[in-house]
Amino acid sequence: MFLLALCALNGCKRETPAGRDDTAMRHERGNQIVAEYLKRDAAPYRKIRVRMNITSESEPLKIYELEIWRKQSGDETLTLTHVVQPADESDLAALSTERE
């Protein structure tokens, strides 16, 4: 998600009437994007669904979908990552604990 914010920063170029980049405007928009990311990242509960396309020269395309559940409380974060697709691997999951 942080990478998304960085990509958005690069995509916020606007030109002033003189045809030059308005650095102050891009800086302000970048600050807004980072502030929104940090606000959402501080949420005590979060559910994310991730889709990955994995390619290889020796194997056909594999599509994975993961559900990631996160719970933050005090100085501890619990994260459950569950493979949803492909169906034959949906019994795989990982639970991680992060402490400060």
Protein backbone atom coordinates (compact mmCIF):
# COMPACT_ATOMS: atom_id res chain seq x y z
CA MET A 1 0.00 0.00 0.00
CA PHE A 2 2.90 2.34 0.75
CA LEU A 3 4.19 1.64 -2.75
CA LEU A 4 0.79 2.71 -4.08
CA ALA A 5 1.14 6.00 -2.23
CA LEU A 6 4.60 6.54 -3.71
CA CYS A 7 3.31 5.80 -7.21
CA ALA A 8 0.48 8.25 -6.66
CA LEU A 9 3.00 10.90 -5.65
CA ASN A 10 4.76 10.52 -8.98
CA GLY A 11 1.46 10.69 -10.84
CA CYS A 12 0.42 14.00 -9.27
CA LYS A 13 2.35 16.21 -11.66
CA ARG A 14 0.53 19.35 -12.65
CA GLU A 15 1.83 22.20 -14.67
CA THR A 16 1.64 25.85 -13.77
CA PRO A 17 0.44 28.29 -16.42
CA ALA A 18 4.10 28.96 -17.23
CA GLY A 19 4.46 25.26 -18.13
CA ARG A 20 6.63 24.21 -15.16
CA ASP A 21 5.82 21.71 -12.40
CA ASP A 22 4.24 23.26 -9.34
CA THR A 23 6.40 21.64 -6.66
CA ALA A 24 4.39 23.08 -3.76
CA MET A 25 1.13 21.65 -5.17
CA ARG A 26 2.69 18.20 -5.66
CA HIS A 27 4.19 18.31 -2.17
CA GLU A 28 0.79 19.17 -0.63
CA ARG A 29 -0.97 16.38 -2.56
CA GLY A 30 1.76 13.93 -1.50
CA ASN A 31 1.27 14.92 2.13
CA GLN A 32 -2.49 14.31 1.78
CA ILE A 33 -1.92 10.84 0.34
CA VAL A 34 0.55 9.86 3.07
CA ALA A 35 -1.75 11.23 5.81
CA GLU A 36 -4.68 9.18 4.46
CA TYR A 37 -2.53 6.04 4.30
CA LEU A 38 -1.34 6.50 7.89
CA LYS A 39 -4.92 7.12 9.08
CA ARG A 40 -6.13 3.90 7.47
CA ASP A 41 -3.07 1.95 8.62
CA ALA A 42 -3.86 2.84 12.25
CA ALA A 43 -7.28 1.15 12.07
CA PRO A 44 -7.61 -1.54 14.77
CA TYR A 45 -9.16 -4.06 12.33
CA ARG A 46 -8.50 -4.49 8.65
CA LYS A 47 -9.39 -7.00 5.94
CA ILE A 48 -7.54 -7.00 2.62
CA ARG A 49 -7.91 -9.26 -0.40
CA VAL A 50 -4.84 -9.66 -2.62
CA ARG A 51 -4.68 -11.27 -6.06
CA MET A 52 -1.38 -12.46 -7.53
CA ASN A 53 -0.69 -13.75 -11.03
CA ILE A 54 2.41 -15.95 -11.03
CA THR A 55 4.05 -16.84 -14.32
CA SER A 56 6.95 -19.10 -15.14
CA GLU A 57 8.51 -20.38 -18.32
CA SER A 58 8.20 -23.97 -17.12
CA GLU A 59 4.68 -23.81 -15.60
CA PRO A 60 1.32 -22.37 -16.64
CA LEU A 61 -0.10 -19.18 -15.13
CA LYS A 62 -1.20 -19.60 -11.49
CA ILE A 63 -3.59 -17.17 -9.87
CA TYR A 64 -3.58 -16.86 -6.10
CA GLU A 65 -6.01 -14.90 -3.97
CA LEU A 66 -5.24 -14.19 -0.32
CA GLU A 67 -7.42 -12.78 2.43
CA ILE A 68 -5.43 -10.92 5.04
CA TRP A 69 -7.07 -10.10 8.37
CA ARG A 70 -5.25 -7.81 10.79
CA LYS A 71 -6.03 -6.85 14.38
CA GLN A 72 -4.04 -4.17 16.16
CA SER A 73 -4.26 -3.72 19.92
CA GLY A 74 -1.85 -1.87 22.16
CA ASP A 75 1.66 -2.92 21.23
CA GLU A 76 0.67 -6.10 19.38
CA THR A 77 -0.52 -6.82 15.83
CA LEU A 78 -2.02 -10.17 14.81
CA THR A 79 -2.17 -10.99 11.10
CA LEU A 80 -3.95 -13.98 9.57
CA THR A 81 -3.16 -14.67 5.91
CA HIS A 82 -5.43 -17.26 4.25
CA VAL A 83 -5.09 -18.66 0.71
CA VAL A 84 -8.55 -18.44 -0.88
CA GLN A 85 -7.69 -19.41 -4.47
CA PRO A 86 -6.76 -21.82 -5.98
CA ALA A 87 -9.35 -23.94 -4.23
CA ASP A 88 -7.01 -26.93 -3.87
CA GLU A 89 -4.70 -24.80 -1.68
CA SER A 90 -7.42 -23.07 0.36
CA ASP A 91 -6.45 -25.05 3.46
CA LEU A 92 -3.23 -23.00 3.77
CA ALA A 93 -2.99 -20.12 6.23
CA ALA A 94 -0.41 -18.33 8.34
CA LEU A 95 -0.80 -16.48 11.63
CA SER A 96 1.85 -13.97 12.65
CA THR A 97 2.31 -11.85 15.77
CA GLU A 98 4.25 -8.60 15.81
CA ARG A 99 5.19 -6.87 19.04
CA GLU A 100 6.95 -3.55 19.53
